[in-house]
Amino acid sequence: MSLVQEPGRILLVEDADAIRTAVAAAVGAAGHRVLAREHGAGLEQDLERFRPDVVVLDVMLPGRDGFELLDIVRARCEAGVLMLTARDEVADRVRGLRSGSDDYVVKPFDLAELVARVEALLRRMGRLRTRITVGDLEIDVDRGTVTRNGTPITLTATEFRLLAHLAAHRDRVLTKTQILTAVWGYEDYDPNLVEVYVSAVRRKLEEHGPRLLHTVRGLGYALRVGER
């Protein structure tokens, strides 16, 4: 199994070398593509060529400041914008938010928090998707879609929750009670309900490939590649 977050494209404009290097490294280490600039002189070209999902703008920049660059971003693309500045006055934060920024971080800041805020923007905009793969099965958790060998599989909402839960615990045997609690939120449902839904999901999966969803007699169910 692999749990994959598709990378976002992050444009960083920060004139302080140490901060620019640290932020670019942290965001890159999280799996995203980063284009780092020390000023906004070529912002228009960067927006057109790099097509960022999120733009991180320092306010105090040489030449055009962050607020000017924010206006350009808003006029030219739909990227999320996070303002990054040493200013902590409420008026500056209000100005940034009213000008169209999506978030505002004051220096000094924690790199992990900054990455989390960038990813929150990506997720809010639908540009950060989590996918679970088990063999030839791919589950897009955020979009609620399932494909096998590239072929879409139609599942009900409950069937999707069941499959996603089993996939997130690949190779682990889950009891009916564990599945009832995780998928339905109750332990006192008729256990036969699990059997009915497992059978339905298994049938749909096996229309497009060999068995992935296995019954472990006397224990429960497991999603895994190959019979064991």
Protein backbone atom coordinates (compact mmCIF):
# COMPACT_ATOMS: atom_id res chain seq x y z
CA MET A 1 0.00 0.00 0.00
CA SER A 2 1.08 3.55 -0.58
CA LEU A 3 -0.54 6.69 0.77
CA VAL A 4 0.24 9.53 -1.60
CA GLN A 5 -0.42 13.24 -1.42
CA GLU A 6 -0.13 14.82 -4.82
CA PRO A 7 2.44 17.65 -4.74
CA GLY A 8 1.42 21.28 -4.92
CA ARG A 9 3.30 24.05 -6.74
CA ILE A 10 4.45 26.69 -4.27
CA LEU A 11 5.88 30.08 -5.30
CA LEU A 12 7.87 31.69 -2.48
CA VAL A 13 8.92 35.35 -2.58
CA GLU A 14 11.17 36.23 0.38
CA ASP A 15 14.22 38.49 0.35
CA ALA A 16 15.94 37.13 3.49
CA ASP A 17 18.28 34.36 2.31
CA ALA A 18 18.13 32.28 5.49
CA ILE A 19 14.33 32.33 5.67
CA ARG A 20 13.90 31.70 1.94
CA THR A 21 16.26 28.73 2.05
CA ALA A 22 14.67 27.23 5.18
CA VAL A 23 11.10 27.61 3.95
CA ALA A 24 11.90 26.23 0.50
CA ALA A 25 13.62 23.22 2.07
CA ALA A 26 10.75 22.51 4.48
CA VAL A 27 8.04 22.81 1.83
CA GLY A 28 10.10 20.74 -0.59
CA ALA A 29 10.69 18.07 2.05
CA ALA A 30 6.89 17.79 2.40
CA GLY A 31 6.80 16.68 -1.22
CA HIS A 32 5.87 19.91 -2.99
CA ARG A 33 7.49 21.72 -5.89
CA VAL A 34 8.95 25.08 -4.86
CA LEU A 35 10.05 28.08 -6.89
CA ALA A 36 11.85 30.54 -4.60
CA ARG A 37 12.50 34.18 -5.52
CA GLU A 38 14.17 36.97 -3.51
CA HIS A 39 11.99 39.71 -5.04
CA GLY A 40 8.88 40.08 -7.16
CA ALA A 41 10.45 41.62 -10.27
CA GLY A 42 9.52 38.66 -12.45
CA LEU A 43 6.27 37.71 -10.72
CA GLU A 44 4.09 37.99 -13.82
CA GLN A 45 6.32 35.57 -15.74
CA ASP A 46 6.51 33.17 -12.79
CA LEU A 47 2.73 33.08 -12.48
CA GLU A 48 2.37 32.31 -16.17
CA ARG A 49 5.13 29.69 -16.43
CA PHE A 50 5.09 27.99 -13.01
CA ARG A 51 1.31 28.22 -12.44
CA PRO A 52 1.54 28.07 -8.64
CA ASP A 53 -1.21 26.64 -6.45
CA VAL A 54 -0.08 28.73 -3.48
CA VAL A 55 2.01 31.91 -3.35
CA VAL A 56 3.88 32.74 -0.14
CA LEU A 57 4.64 36.47 -0.09
CA ASP A 58 6.84 38.41 2.26
CA VAL A 59 5.41 41.90 2.85
CA MET A 60 8.68 43.80 3.24
CA LEU A 61 10.36 43.28 -0.14
CA PRO A 62 12.73 45.43 -2.19
CA GLY A 63 10.92 47.15 -5.04
CA ARG A 64 7.27 46.14 -5.13
CA ASP A 65 6.13 45.09 -1.67
CA GLY A 66 3.98 42.12 -0.81
CA PHE A 67 0.71 44.04 -0.99
CA GLU A 68 1.47 45.16 -4.56
CA LEU A 69 2.39 41.61 -5.50
CA LEU A 70 -0.81 40.34 -3.89
CA ASP A 71 -2.85 42.56 -6.22
CA ILE A 72 -1.00 41.10 -9.21
CA VAL A 73 -1.58 37.52 -8.06
CA ARG A 74 -5.29 38.15 -7.57
CA ALA A 75 -5.59 39.76 -11.01
CA ARG A 76 -3.78 36.98 -12.86
CA CYS A 77 -4.56 33.65 -11.20
CA GLU A 78 -6.57 31.82 -8.55
CA ALA A 79 -3.64 30.71 -6.39
CA GLY A 80 -4.00 30.75 -2.63
CA VAL A 81 -1.91 33.47 -0.97
CA LEU A 82 -0.16 33.34 2.39
CA MET A 83 1.42 36.58 3.60
CA LEU A 84 4.69 36.25 5.49
CA THR A 85 5.98 39.23 7.46
CA ALA A 86 7.73 40.52 10.56
CA ARG A 87 4.96 43.01 11.13
CA ASP A 88 2.60 42.02 13.92
CA GLU A 89 0.28 45.00 13.96
CA VAL A 90 -3.38 44.13 13.59
CA ALA A 91 -3.77 46.81 10.91
CA ASP A 92 -1.26 45.06 8.65
CA ARG A 93 -2.95 41.72 9.03
CA VAL A 94 -6.35 43.24 8.34
CA ARG A 95 -4.99 45.00 5.26
CA GLY A 96 -3.57 41.74 3.93
CA LEU A 97 -6.77 39.81 4.50
CA ARG A 98 -8.94 42.55 3.05
CA SER A 99 -6.68 42.73 0.02
CA GLY A 100 -7.36 39.09 -0.72
CA SER A 101 -4.76 37.03 1.12
CA ASP A 102 -5.97 33.70 2.48
CA ASP A 103 -3.68 33.47 5.49
CA TYR A 104 -1.15 35.58 7.39
CA VAL A 105 1.90 34.33 9.30
CA VAL A 106 4.03 36.56 11.51
CA LYS A 107 7.79 36.05 11.89
CA PRO A 108 9.35 34.33 13.73
CA PHE A 109 7.37 31.20 12.93
CA ASP A 110 7.67 27.44 13.19
CA LEU A 111 8.49 25.79 9.86
CA ALA A 112 6.19 22.84 10.54
CA GLU A 113 3.30 25.20 11.17
CA LEU A 114 4.02 27.11 7.97
CA VAL A 115 4.01 23.88 5.93
CA ALA A 116 0.75 22.88 7.61
CA ARG A 117 -0.81 26.22 6.71
CA VAL A 118 0.34 25.89 3.09
CA GLU A 119 -1.16 22.40 2.89
CA ALA A 120 -4.36 23.62 4.51
CA LEU A 121 -4.65 26.15 1.69
CA LEU A 122 -3.99 23.46 -0.90
CA ARG A 123 -6.61 21.21 0.66
CA ARG A 124 -9.17 24.01 0.94
CA MET A 125 -8.73 24.73 -2.76
CA GLY A 126 -9.03 21.08 -3.71
CA ARG A 127 -5.41 20.92 -4.89
CA LEU A 128 -4.08 18.49 -2.32
CA ARG A 129 -5.50 15.02 -2.78
CA THR A 130 -4.81 11.90 -0.76
CA ARG A 131 -4.70 8.61 -2.66
CA ILE A 132 -4.38 5.08 -1.27
CA THR A 133 -3.12 2.36 -3.60
CA VAL A 134 -3.25 -1.38 -2.98
CA GLY A 135 -1.87 -3.27 -5.94
CA ASP A 136 -3.86 -2.14 -8.98
CA LEU A 137 -6.54 -0.54 -6.79
CA GLU A 138 -6.48 3.24 -6.32
CA ILE A 139 -8.70 5.13 -3.89
CA ASP A 140 -8.89 8.92 -4.08
CA VAL A 141 -9.94 9.73 -0.52
CA ASP A 142 -10.75 13.38 -1.12
CA ARG A 143 -12.76 12.89 -4.31
CA GLY A 144 -14.43 9.70 -3.15
CA THR A 145 -13.49 7.76 -6.28
CA VAL A 146 -12.16 4.24 -6.83
CA THR A 147 -10.43 2.77 -9.87
CA ARG A 148 -8.93 -0.63 -10.60
CA ASN A 149 -6.57 -1.07 -13.52
CA GLY A 150 -7.67 2.42 -14.49
CA THR A 151 -11.35 1.46 -14.64
CA PRO A 152 -13.75 3.45 -12.41
CA ILE A 153 -15.72 1.41 -9.86
CA THR A 154 -19.03 2.78 -8.63
CA LEU A 155 -19.59 2.37 -4.90
CA THR A 156 -22.23 3.66 -2.52
CA ALA A 157 -21.10 6.06 0.20
CA THR A 158 -21.07 3.26 2.80
CA GLU A 159 -19.22 0.88 0.48
CA PHE A 160 -16.61 3.57 -0.13
CA ARG A 161 -16.09 4.15 3.61
CA LEU A 162 -15.74 0.41 4.14
CA LEU A 163 -13.20 -0.02 1.35
CA ALA A 164 -11.20 3.07 2.35
CA HIS A 165 -11.02 1.86 5.95
CA LEU A 166 -9.82 -1.59 4.93
CA ALA A 167 -7.30 -0.05 2.51
CA ALA A 168 -5.91 2.27 5.19
CA HIS A 169 -5.23 -0.88 7.25
CA ARG A 170 -3.93 -3.08 4.46
CA ASP A 171 -2.80 -6.58 5.53
CA ARG A 172 -4.41 -6.17 8.95
CA VAL A 173 -7.35 -8.40 9.84
CA LEU A 174 -10.23 -6.24 11.05
CA THR A 175 -13.05 -7.78 13.08
CA LYS A 176 -16.69 -7.10 12.35
CA THR A 177 -16.92 -5.04 15.51
CA GLN A 178 -13.96 -2.89 14.50
CA ILE A 179 -15.49 -2.33 11.07
CA LEU A 180 -18.92 -1.54 12.51
CA THR A 181 -17.40 1.05 14.84
CA ALA A 182 -15.25 2.69 12.16
CA VAL A 183 -17.70 2.65 9.25
CA TRP A 184 -21.11 2.91 10.93
CA GLY A 185 -20.10 4.44 14.26
CA TYR A 186 -21.81 1.77 16.33
CA GLU A 187 -20.88 -1.60 17.79
CA ASP A 188 -24.38 -2.99 18.24
CA TYR A 189 -25.46 -3.23 14.60
CA ASP A 190 -26.27 -6.68 13.25
CA PRO A 191 -22.86 -8.15 12.28
CA ASN A 192 -24.51 -9.57 9.18
CA LEU A 193 -24.58 -6.00 7.89
CA VAL A 194 -20.80 -6.13 7.50
CA GLU A 195 -21.02 -9.40 5.57
CA VAL A 196 -23.56 -7.92 3.16
CA TYR A 197 -21.43 -4.87 2.42
CA VAL A 198 -18.17 -6.82 2.21
CA SER A 199 -19.78 -9.16 -0.31
CA ALA A 200 -21.01 -6.22 -2.40
CA VAL A 201 -17.61 -4.50 -2.42
CA ARG A 202 -15.78 -7.75 -3.16
CA ARG A 203 -18.05 -8.47 -6.11
CA LYS A 204 -17.45 -5.04 -7.63
CA LEU A 205 -13.67 -5.28 -7.16
CA GLU A 206 -13.49 -8.75 -8.70
CA GLU A 207 -15.21 -7.57 -11.85
CA HIS A 208 -11.90 -5.92 -12.69
CA GLY A 209 -9.21 -8.18 -11.24
CA PRO A 210 -8.26 -10.97 -8.83
CA ARG A 211 -9.39 -11.10 -5.20
CA LEU A 212 -8.17 -8.35 -2.90
CA LEU A 213 -10.76 -8.47 -0.14
CA HIS A 214 -10.29 -11.68 1.86
CA THR A 215 -12.30 -13.35 4.59
CA VAL A 216 -10.17 -14.64 7.45
CA ARG A 217 -12.32 -17.36 8.95
CA GLY A 218 -13.26 -16.75 12.57
CA LEU A 219 -11.46 -13.39 12.67
CA GLY A 220 -12.70 -10.89 10.12
CA TYR A 221 -11.63 -9.32 6.85
CA ALA A 222 -8.42 -8.03 5.27
CA LEU A 223 -7.55 -6.13 2.11
CA ARG A 224 -4.30 -7.46 0.64
CA VAL A 225 -2.68 -8.50 -2.59
CA GLY A 226 -2.65 -12.27 -3.06
CA GLU A 227 -4.12 -15.10 -1.02
CA ARG A 228 -2.41 -15.81 2.30
